[in-house]
Amino acid sequence: MSEARRGAVLGAVAYALWGLSTLYWPLLEPTGPVEILACRVLWSLVAIVALVSVLGRWGRVRALAGGGGTLRLLAVAGVLTGVNWGIFLFAVLNGQVVEASLGFFVTPLVSVAFGVVFYRERLRPGQWAAVGLGAATLGVLAVEYGRPPWIALGLAATFGTYGLIKKHLGVGAAEGLFVETSVLFPFALVYTVALQSAGQATFGHVSALNTALGVGAGLVVLVPLLLFSAAAPRIPLTVTGMLQYIEPAVQFLLGVLVFREAMPGLRWAGFALLWAALAILAIDGLRAAR
């Protein structure tokens, strides 16, 4: 299997798992989104330390620590990841799963724009048609909401930029995630200690199940993030952008079928445009493969 194809497979699995993780976060209630995010950071670092030790990559971590430019970009990537997951958790826990899916539908447009601008990647006519319909989808759904879709735009901006940084650096998945998570760790630790000291924390105080799920938050996020970090350097940003439709498709189905969020007619029309874009993209991909 070629590197590009391996990257595409890893990316597809990562996005599918991210979409399905939507089902996990409501199980942690009454824990709020910020406390869940803090748990995710704390326990992710524990898992990553174990992973780096097993893989024997502490030498690579030390090499990254000595690279000022790379280290700064990884720190930015870590912050972007934290903001992205904070927005996403807020959306899921406040009944905005469909709007969250809209955000990840917009992300491929951001990735495609970055690919064209920064890497001079060229799109085939079918890909341009799919991207155009995707943009129309965003416009229709923004009108239906009657307001700027801040959740969607925030998710698209943060994750699109994160993907650009990972593509540029080409850093190994485990060591890169160690640096990114380490940047967030002090903030998560201070927040958790302050919350526990004030008697306002739910983690460790609601039930054994709630505590176990809080610990598991790190692994739920870590596995797909590792897959994405391994995929990003292997494939063009245009391919990354198209793969990203997998995650919002899963989230959309969960929002409608599981969480029973309202779907007015105009919203259905907007997503119908999206499905047309995906059909064009699939046909174009088959032709290119032949």
Protein backbone atom coordinates (compact mmCIF):
# COMPACT_ATOMS: atom_id res chain seq x y z
CA MET A 1 0.00 0.00 0.00
CA SER A 2 1.35 3.41 -0.98
CA GLU A 3 1.96 6.15 1.59
CA ALA A 4 -0.84 8.28 0.14
CA ARG A 5 -3.35 5.43 0.29
CA ARG A 6 -2.28 4.49 3.81
CA GLY A 7 -2.75 8.11 4.83
CA ALA A 8 -6.22 8.20 3.29
CA VAL A 9 -7.27 5.07 5.20
CA LEU A 10 -5.89 6.37 8.49
CA GLY A 11 -7.64 9.68 7.95
CA ALA A 12 -10.99 8.07 7.13
CA VAL A 13 -10.91 5.93 10.28
CA ALA A 14 -9.93 8.94 12.39
CA TYR A 15 -12.87 11.01 11.16
CA ALA A 16 -15.35 8.16 11.62
CA LEU A 17 -14.22 7.73 15.24
CA TRP A 18 -14.45 11.47 15.86
CA GLY A 19 -18.01 11.43 14.61
CA LEU A 20 -19.00 8.51 16.80
CA SER A 21 -17.40 10.13 19.87
CA THR A 22 -20.43 12.46 19.90
CA LEU A 23 -22.28 9.67 21.69
CA TYR A 24 -19.71 9.56 24.50
CA TRP A 25 -19.82 13.08 25.93
CA PRO A 26 -23.45 13.23 27.10
CA LEU A 27 -22.71 10.16 29.23
CA LEU A 28 -20.51 12.36 31.45
CA GLU A 29 -23.32 14.69 32.53
CA PRO A 30 -23.66 16.50 34.92
CA THR A 31 -19.99 17.26 34.20
CA GLY A 32 -19.74 20.45 32.13
CA PRO A 33 -17.78 20.96 28.90
CA VAL A 34 -14.80 22.78 30.45
CA GLU A 35 -14.33 20.15 33.16
CA ILE A 36 -14.62 17.40 30.55
CA LEU A 37 -12.00 19.17 28.44
CA ALA A 38 -9.67 19.38 31.44
CA CYS A 39 -10.12 15.64 32.11
CA ARG A 40 -9.41 14.93 28.49
CA VAL A 41 -6.13 16.86 28.60
CA LEU A 42 -4.97 15.35 31.91
CA TRP A 43 -5.66 11.75 31.02
CA SER A 44 -4.55 12.12 27.40
CA LEU A 45 -1.09 13.12 28.60
CA VAL A 46 -0.91 10.03 30.82
CA ALA A 47 -1.80 7.83 27.84
CA ILE A 48 0.64 9.62 25.53
CA VAL A 49 3.51 9.28 28.02
CA ALA A 50 2.86 5.54 28.13
CA LEU A 51 2.70 5.41 24.32
CA VAL A 52 5.94 7.34 23.81
CA SER A 53 7.66 5.06 26.35
CA VAL A 54 6.45 1.89 24.64
CA LEU A 55 7.52 3.17 21.21
CA GLY A 56 10.86 4.38 22.59
CA ARG A 57 10.52 7.87 21.13
CA TRP A 58 11.78 10.03 23.97
CA GLY A 59 14.82 10.85 21.83
CA ARG A 60 12.53 12.38 19.21
CA VAL A 61 10.69 14.31 21.91
CA ARG A 62 13.99 15.77 23.13
CA ALA A 63 14.87 16.69 19.54
CA LEU A 64 11.56 18.54 19.21
CA ALA A 65 12.23 20.38 22.46
CA GLY A 66 15.42 21.74 20.90
CA GLY A 67 13.70 23.02 17.76
CA GLY A 68 12.37 26.48 18.54
CA GLY A 69 10.23 27.01 15.41
CA THR A 70 8.76 23.52 15.43
CA LEU A 71 8.09 23.71 19.15
CA ARG A 72 6.23 27.00 18.79
CA LEU A 73 4.06 25.67 15.98
CA LEU A 74 3.24 22.53 17.98
CA ALA A 75 2.28 24.75 20.92
CA VAL A 76 -0.10 26.66 18.64
CA ALA A 77 -1.50 23.34 17.39
CA GLY A 78 -2.11 22.28 20.99
CA VAL A 79 -4.01 25.48 21.76
CA LEU A 80 -6.09 25.10 18.59
CA THR A 81 -6.97 21.53 19.59
CA GLY A 82 -8.08 22.68 23.04
CA VAL A 83 -10.26 25.48 21.66
CA ASN A 84 -11.75 23.19 19.03
CA TRP A 85 -12.72 20.52 21.54
CA GLY A 86 -14.07 23.10 23.96
CA ILE A 87 -16.41 24.44 21.28
CA PHE A 88 -17.42 20.94 20.23
CA LEU A 89 -18.19 19.79 23.78
CA PHE A 90 -20.26 22.94 24.37
CA ALA A 91 -22.25 22.20 21.20
CA VAL A 92 -22.90 18.54 22.02
CA LEU A 93 -23.92 19.20 25.63
CA ASN A 94 -26.24 22.04 24.57
CA GLY A 95 -28.21 20.27 21.86
CA GLN A 96 -26.29 21.70 18.88
CA VAL A 97 -24.95 18.52 17.29
CA VAL A 98 -26.29 19.39 13.84
CA GLU A 99 -24.63 22.82 13.94
CA ALA A 100 -21.42 21.15 15.07
CA SER A 101 -21.66 18.90 12.04
CA LEU A 102 -22.05 22.03 9.91
CA GLY A 103 -18.75 23.26 11.32
CA PHE A 104 -16.94 20.15 10.21
CA PHE A 105 -18.61 20.37 6.80
CA VAL A 106 -17.06 23.83 6.47
CA THR A 107 -13.60 22.62 7.55
CA PRO A 108 -12.82 20.93 4.20
CA LEU A 109 -13.41 24.25 2.46
CA VAL A 110 -10.82 25.83 4.76
CA SER A 111 -8.39 22.96 4.10
CA VAL A 112 -8.89 23.21 0.34
CA ALA A 113 -8.26 26.96 0.47
CA PHE A 114 -5.06 26.38 2.45
CA GLY A 115 -3.95 23.70 -0.02
CA VAL A 116 -4.40 26.00 -3.00
CA VAL A 117 -2.88 29.08 -1.35
CA PHE A 118 0.06 27.57 0.54
CA TYR A 119 0.88 24.42 -1.44
CA ARG A 120 -0.35 25.37 -4.94
CA GLU A 121 -2.46 22.22 -5.10
CA ARG A 122 -4.74 21.96 -8.12
CA LEU A 123 -8.31 20.71 -8.09
CA ARG A 124 -10.04 18.73 -10.80
CA PRO A 125 -13.32 20.14 -12.19
CA GLY A 126 -15.37 17.61 -10.22
CA GLN A 127 -13.66 18.65 -7.00
CA TRP A 128 -14.34 22.32 -7.75
CA ALA A 129 -18.02 21.49 -8.31
CA ALA A 130 -18.18 19.63 -5.00
CA VAL A 131 -16.51 22.49 -3.15
CA GLY A 132 -18.89 24.99 -4.75
CA LEU A 133 -21.93 23.03 -3.64
CA GLY A 134 -20.43 22.74 -0.18
CA ALA A 135 -20.12 26.52 -0.02
CA ALA A 136 -23.75 26.85 -1.13
CA THR A 137 -24.73 24.46 1.66
CA LEU A 138 -23.06 26.71 4.20
CA GLY A 139 -24.88 29.75 2.86
CA VAL A 140 -28.32 28.12 2.91
CA LEU A 141 -27.88 26.76 6.43
CA ALA A 142 -26.58 30.10 7.71
CA VAL A 143 -29.77 31.74 6.40
CA GLU A 144 -31.90 29.03 8.03
CA TYR A 145 -30.30 29.62 11.42
CA GLY A 146 -30.97 33.35 11.13
CA ARG A 147 -27.58 34.21 12.63
CA PRO A 148 -23.90 33.65 11.98
CA PRO A 149 -23.21 29.99 12.85
CA TRP A 150 -20.52 30.80 15.41
CA ILE A 151 -20.13 27.22 16.60
CA ALA A 152 -19.65 25.99 13.04
CA LEU A 153 -17.24 28.76 12.07
CA GLY A 154 -15.18 28.32 15.24
CA LEU A 155 -14.82 24.59 14.68
CA ALA A 156 -13.87 25.08 11.02
CA ALA A 157 -11.28 27.78 11.70
CA THR A 158 -9.52 25.97 14.55
CA PHE A 159 -9.36 22.51 13.02
CA GLY A 160 -8.54 23.72 9.51
CA THR A 161 -5.56 25.65 10.87
CA TYR A 162 -4.52 22.67 13.00
CA GLY A 163 -4.49 20.49 9.89
CA LEU A 164 -2.34 23.03 8.06
CA ILE A 165 0.23 23.08 10.87
CA LYS A 166 0.43 19.28 11.05
CA LYS A 167 0.85 19.07 7.29
CA HIS A 168 3.64 21.66 7.36
CA LEU A 169 5.60 20.08 10.20
CA GLY A 170 5.36 16.39 9.33
CA VAL A 171 6.16 15.51 12.96
CA GLY A 172 5.62 11.97 14.23
CA ALA A 173 2.20 11.36 15.71
CA ALA A 174 3.14 10.31 19.24
CA GLU A 175 5.87 12.87 19.89
CA GLY A 176 3.84 15.68 18.31
CA LEU A 177 0.82 14.90 20.47
CA PHE A 178 3.02 14.79 23.55
CA VAL A 179 4.18 18.36 22.95
CA GLU A 180 0.69 19.61 22.04
CA THR A 181 -0.93 18.08 25.10
CA SER A 182 1.91 19.19 27.39
CA VAL A 183 1.16 22.80 26.43
CA LEU A 184 -2.41 22.44 27.68
CA PHE A 185 -1.60 20.30 30.72
CA PRO A 186 -0.69 23.10 33.20
CA PHE A 187 -3.91 24.98 32.44
CA ALA A 188 -6.01 21.84 32.79
CA LEU A 189 -4.30 20.92 36.05
CA VAL A 190 -4.74 24.40 37.59
CA TYR A 191 -8.40 24.49 36.55
CA THR A 192 -9.07 21.03 37.96
CA VAL A 193 -7.36 21.77 41.28
CA ALA A 194 -9.23 25.08 41.61
CA LEU A 195 -12.54 23.39 40.85
CA GLN A 196 -11.90 20.61 43.34
CA SER A 197 -10.78 23.10 46.03
CA ALA A 198 -13.93 25.17 45.54
CA GLY A 199 -16.12 22.07 45.92
CA GLN A 200 -17.61 22.63 42.45
CA ALA A 201 -16.08 19.63 40.67
CA THR A 202 -18.16 16.68 39.57
CA PHE A 203 -15.26 14.42 38.57
CA GLY A 204 -14.72 11.93 41.39
CA HIS A 205 -17.84 13.04 43.25
CA VAL A 206 -20.87 11.88 41.22
CA SER A 207 -20.40 8.15 40.75
CA ALA A 208 -17.79 5.54 39.95
CA LEU A 209 -19.15 5.38 36.38
CA ASN A 210 -18.83 9.14 35.91
CA THR A 211 -15.24 9.01 37.17
CA ALA A 212 -14.37 6.11 34.87
CA LEU A 213 -15.87 7.92 31.89
CA GLY A 214 -13.89 11.02 32.79
CA VAL A 215 -10.68 9.01 32.76
CA GLY A 216 -11.72 7.47 29.44
CA ALA A 217 -12.14 10.94 27.90
CA GLY A 218 -8.44 11.02 27.16
CA LEU A 219 -8.47 7.76 25.20
CA VAL A 220 -11.62 8.63 23.27
CA VAL A 221 -9.90 11.69 21.85
CA LEU A 222 -6.38 10.28 21.69
CA VAL A 223 -7.00 7.36 19.31
CA PRO A 224 -8.48 9.34 16.38
CA LEU A 225 -6.07 12.23 16.96
CA LEU A 226 -3.14 9.83 16.67
CA LEU A 227 -4.58 8.45 13.45
CA PHE A 228 -5.09 11.94 12.05
CA SER A 229 -1.58 13.03 13.02
CA ALA A 230 -0.18 9.99 11.22
CA ALA A 231 -2.36 10.62 8.14
CA ALA A 232 -1.85 14.37 7.66
CA PRO A 233 1.77 14.31 6.41
CA ARG A 234 1.02 11.51 3.92
CA ILE A 235 -1.79 13.09 1.88
CA PRO A 236 -2.46 16.43 0.15
CA LEU A 237 -4.60 18.95 2.01
CA THR A 238 -7.25 18.66 -0.70
CA VAL A 239 -7.65 14.94 0.12
CA THR A 240 -7.66 15.75 3.83
CA GLY A 241 -10.43 18.26 3.17
CA MET A 242 -12.62 15.72 1.41
CA LEU A 243 -12.07 13.03 4.04
CA GLN A 244 -13.29 15.47 6.67
CA TYR A 245 -16.85 15.08 5.37
CA ILE A 246 -16.98 11.67 7.06
CA GLU A 247 -17.04 13.12 10.58
CA PRO A 248 -19.90 15.63 10.09
CA ALA A 249 -21.92 13.03 8.18
CA VAL A 250 -21.79 10.75 11.21
CA GLN A 251 -22.55 13.67 13.54
CA PHE A 252 -25.46 14.80 11.41
CA LEU A 253 -27.04 11.35 11.50
CA LEU A 254 -26.57 11.18 15.25
CA GLY A 255 -28.05 14.65 15.72
CA VAL A 256 -31.16 13.79 13.74
CA LEU A 257 -31.71 10.13 14.61
CA VAL A 258 -30.35 9.86 18.15
CA PHE A 259 -30.57 13.34 19.66
CA ARG A 260 -33.76 14.21 17.74
CA GLU A 261 -32.77 17.77 16.89
CA ALA A 262 -35.23 19.81 14.82
CA MET A 263 -34.72 19.80 11.04
CA PRO A 264 -36.85 22.46 9.28
CA GLY A 265 -37.36 22.25 5.54
CA LEU A 266 -34.71 24.81 4.61
CA ARG A 267 -32.15 22.93 6.69
CA TRP A 268 -32.97 19.74 4.83
CA ALA A 269 -32.54 21.65 1.56
CA GLY A 270 -29.10 22.80 2.62
CA PHE A 271 -27.99 19.29 3.47
CA ALA A 272 -29.46 18.03 0.18
CA LEU A 273 -26.98 20.33 -1.57
CA LEU A 274 -24.25 18.76 0.50
CA TRP A 275 -25.24 15.24 -0.46
CA ALA A 276 -25.15 16.30 -4.12
CA ALA A 277 -21.61 17.58 -3.54
CA LEU A 278 -20.58 14.26 -2.00
CA ALA A 279 -22.08 12.33 -4.92
CA ILE A 280 -20.10 14.44 -7.40
CA LEU A 281 -16.97 13.95 -5.33
CA ALA A 282 -17.44 10.17 -5.24
CA ILE A 283 -17.90 9.96 -9.02
CA ASP A 284 -14.88 12.18 -9.59
CA GLY A 285 -12.79 10.03 -7.26
CA LEU A 286 -13.75 6.83 -9.12
CA ARG A 287 -12.84 8.37 -12.46
CA ALA A 288 -9.50 9.57 -11.14
CA ALA A 289 -8.75 6.12 -9.71
CA ARG A 290 -9.36 4.52 -13.11
